[in-house]
């Protein structure tokens, strides 16, 4: 095998590793943020239920914006 072909195989391997790490990071970020906002939604929903009004929702929207 020529040195050029070996270098191309190395580039292919590094490219696949890069794509896989990017995909894993993207998936982990999605799962992490989804879990975070799901918990916040349930906290606000419980606050609305306990207060029997939408005031906790409005307060949360003010904090977010």
N, C-alpha and C. Protein backbone atom coordinates (compact mmCIF):
# COMPACT_ATOMS: atom_id res chain seq x y z
N UNK A 1 0.83 -1.17 0.00
CA UNK A 1 0.00 0.00 0.00
C UNK A 1 0.88 1.25 0.00
N UNK A 2 0.40 2.22 -0.66
CA UNK A 2 1.16 3.46 -0.70
C UNK A 2 0.86 4.31 0.53
N UNK A 3 1.73 5.23 0.80
CA UNK A 3 1.58 6.12 1.94
C UNK A 3 0.33 6.99 1.78
N UNK A 4 -0.01 7.33 0.54
CA UNK A 4 -1.19 8.15 0.27
C UNK A 4 -2.46 7.41 0.70
N UNK A 5 -2.53 6.14 0.39
CA UNK A 5 -3.71 5.35 0.73
C UNK A 5 -3.83 5.19 2.24
N UNK A 6 -2.70 5.00 2.93
CA UNK A 6 -2.73 4.89 4.38
C UNK A 6 -3.19 6.19 5.03
N UNK A 7 -2.75 7.31 4.47
CA UNK A 7 -3.17 8.61 5.00
C UNK A 7 -4.66 8.83 4.79
N UNK A 8 -5.19 8.37 3.69
CA UNK A 8 -6.62 8.51 3.42
C UNK A 8 -7.44 7.67 4.39
N UNK A 9 -6.94 6.47 4.71
CA UNK A 9 -7.63 5.65 5.70
C UNK A 9 -7.62 6.33 7.07
N UNK A 10 -6.51 6.93 7.44
CA UNK A 10 -6.44 7.66 8.71
C UNK A 10 -7.43 8.82 8.73
N UNK A 11 -7.48 9.56 7.62
CA UNK A 11 -8.44 10.67 7.55
C UNK A 11 -9.88 10.17 7.65
N UNK A 12 -10.17 9.06 7.02
CA UNK A 12 -11.51 8.49 7.08
C UNK A 12 -11.85 8.09 8.51
N UNK A 13 -10.92 7.46 9.20
CA UNK A 13 -11.17 7.04 10.57
C UNK A 13 -11.38 8.26 11.47
N UNK A 14 -10.52 9.29 11.33
CA UNK A 14 -10.69 10.49 12.15
C UNK A 14 -11.99 11.21 11.81
N UNK A 15 -12.38 11.19 10.57
CA UNK A 15 -13.65 11.81 10.18
C UNK A 15 -14.83 11.10 10.81
N UNK A 16 -14.81 9.78 10.80
CA UNK A 16 -15.91 9.01 11.40
C UNK A 16 -15.95 9.25 12.91
N UNK A 17 -14.79 9.27 13.55
CA UNK A 17 -14.74 9.54 14.99
C UNK A 17 -15.29 10.93 15.28
N UNK A 18 -14.94 11.92 14.45
CA UNK A 18 -15.45 13.26 14.64
C UNK A 18 -16.95 13.35 14.49
N UNK A 19 -17.49 12.69 13.49
CA UNK A 19 -18.94 12.71 13.27
C UNK A 19 -19.66 12.01 14.42
N UNK A 20 -19.11 10.89 14.88
CA UNK A 20 -19.75 10.18 15.99
C UNK A 20 -19.73 11.00 17.27
N UNK A 21 -18.62 11.65 17.58
CA UNK A 21 -18.58 12.46 18.80
C UNK A 21 -19.52 13.66 18.69
N UNK A 22 -19.62 14.24 17.50
CA UNK A 22 -20.56 15.34 17.30
C UNK A 22 -21.99 14.86 17.52
N UNK A 23 -22.34 13.71 16.96
CA UNK A 23 -23.70 13.18 17.10
C UNK A 23 -24.00 12.84 18.56
N UNK A 24 -23.05 12.25 19.25
CA UNK A 24 -23.27 11.90 20.66
C UNK A 24 -23.43 13.17 21.49
N UNK A 25 -22.63 14.19 21.23
CA UNK A 25 -22.77 15.45 21.95
C UNK A 25 -24.09 16.13 21.68
N UNK A 26 -24.52 16.09 20.43
CA UNK A 26 -25.80 16.68 20.07
C UNK A 26 -26.94 15.96 20.78
N UNK A 27 -26.90 14.65 20.80
CA UNK A 27 -27.93 13.86 21.46
C UNK A 27 -27.92 14.09 22.96
N UNK A 28 -26.74 14.13 23.57
CA UNK A 28 -26.65 14.37 25.01
C UNK A 28 -27.17 15.76 25.37
N UNK A 29 -26.86 16.76 24.55
CA UNK A 29 -27.36 18.10 24.80
C UNK A 29 -28.87 18.18 24.69
N UNK A 30 -29.43 17.49 23.69
CA UNK A 30 -30.88 17.47 23.52
C UNK A 30 -31.56 16.81 24.72
N UNK A 31 -31.04 15.68 25.15
CA UNK A 31 -31.64 14.97 26.28
C UNK A 31 -31.50 15.81 27.55
N UNK A 32 -30.35 16.43 27.75
CA UNK A 32 -30.15 17.24 28.94
C UNK A 32 -31.08 18.43 29.01
N UNK A 33 -31.20 19.17 27.92
CA UNK A 33 -32.08 20.34 27.94
C UNK A 33 -33.55 19.93 28.00
N UNK A 34 -33.91 18.84 27.36
CA UNK A 34 -35.29 18.37 27.44
C UNK A 34 -35.65 18.01 28.86
N UNK A 35 -34.76 17.32 29.55
CA UNK A 35 -35.01 16.94 30.94
C UNK A 35 -35.10 18.18 31.84
N UNK A 36 -34.23 19.13 31.62
CA UNK A 36 -34.22 20.36 32.42
C UNK A 36 -35.55 21.12 32.27
N UNK A 37 -35.98 21.32 31.03
CA UNK A 37 -37.21 22.08 30.82
C UNK A 37 -38.45 21.28 31.18
N UNK A 38 -38.38 19.95 31.12
CA UNK A 38 -39.52 19.13 31.57
C UNK A 38 -39.71 19.31 33.08
N UNK A 39 -38.60 19.29 33.82
CA UNK A 39 -38.70 19.50 35.27
C UNK A 39 -39.24 20.88 35.60
N UNK A 40 -38.76 21.88 34.88
CA UNK A 40 -39.25 23.25 35.14
C UNK A 40 -40.73 23.36 34.81
N UNK A 41 -41.18 22.72 33.74
CA UNK A 41 -42.59 22.76 33.38
C UNK A 41 -43.44 22.14 34.48
N UNK A 42 -43.01 21.00 35.01
CA UNK A 42 -43.79 20.36 36.07
C UNK A 42 -43.80 21.18 37.35
N UNK A 43 -42.69 21.87 37.63
CA UNK A 43 -42.68 22.73 38.81
C UNK A 43 -43.67 23.88 38.64
N UNK A 44 -43.71 24.48 37.46
CA UNK A 44 -44.65 25.57 37.20
C UNK A 44 -46.08 25.04 37.21
N UNK A 45 -46.29 23.84 36.64
CA UNK A 45 -47.64 23.26 36.62
C UNK A 45 -48.13 22.98 38.04
N UNK A 46 -47.24 22.48 38.89
CA UNK A 46 -47.63 22.25 40.28
C UNK A 46 -47.93 23.57 40.99
N UNK A 47 -47.15 24.61 40.69
CA UNK A 47 -47.42 25.92 41.28
C UNK A 47 -48.77 26.46 40.84
N UNK A 48 -49.11 26.27 39.58
CA UNK A 48 -50.42 26.72 39.09
C UNK A 48 -51.55 25.94 39.75
N UNK A 49 -51.31 24.64 39.92
CA UNK A 49 -52.35 23.81 40.56
C UNK A 49 -52.53 24.23 42.01
N UNK A 50 -51.43 24.44 42.74
CA UNK A 50 -51.53 24.80 44.15
C UNK A 50 -52.14 26.19 44.34
N UNK A 51 -51.79 27.12 43.48
CA UNK A 51 -52.31 28.49 43.60
C UNK A 51 -53.68 28.64 42.95
N UNK A 52 -54.07 27.66 42.15
CA UNK A 52 -55.33 27.68 41.42
C UNK A 52 -55.46 28.94 40.57
N UNK A 53 -54.33 29.31 39.94
CA UNK A 53 -54.33 30.43 39.01
C UNK A 53 -53.15 30.25 38.06
N UNK A 54 -53.05 31.16 37.10
CA UNK A 54 -51.95 31.07 36.14
C UNK A 54 -50.82 32.04 36.48
N UNK A 55 -50.89 32.62 37.66
CA UNK A 55 -49.86 33.59 38.06
C UNK A 55 -48.44 32.99 38.07
N UNK A 56 -48.24 31.74 38.57
CA UNK A 56 -46.89 31.17 38.51
C UNK A 56 -46.39 31.00 37.07
N UNK A 57 -47.28 30.74 36.15
CA UNK A 57 -46.90 30.65 34.74
C UNK A 57 -46.45 31.98 34.20
N UNK A 58 -47.16 33.03 34.55
CA UNK A 58 -46.79 34.38 34.10
C UNK A 58 -45.45 34.78 34.70
N UNK A 59 -45.24 34.44 35.99
CA UNK A 59 -43.95 34.73 36.63
C UNK A 59 -42.82 34.00 35.91
N UNK A 60 -43.04 32.76 35.54
CA UNK A 60 -42.01 31.98 34.84
C UNK A 60 -41.72 32.57 33.47
N UNK A 61 -42.75 33.02 32.78
CA UNK A 61 -42.55 33.64 31.48
C UNK A 61 -41.76 34.94 31.61
N UNK A 62 -42.00 35.69 32.67
CA UNK A 62 -41.22 36.91 32.91
C UNK A 62 -39.76 36.60 33.17
N UNK A 63 -39.50 35.53 33.91
CA UNK A 63 -38.12 35.13 34.19
C UNK A 63 -37.40 34.69 32.92
N UNK A 64 -38.09 34.02 32.03
CA UNK A 64 -37.48 33.51 30.81
C UNK A 64 -37.22 34.58 29.77
N UNK A 65 -38.05 35.61 29.77
CA UNK A 65 -37.89 36.65 28.73
C UNK A 65 -37.08 37.83 29.16
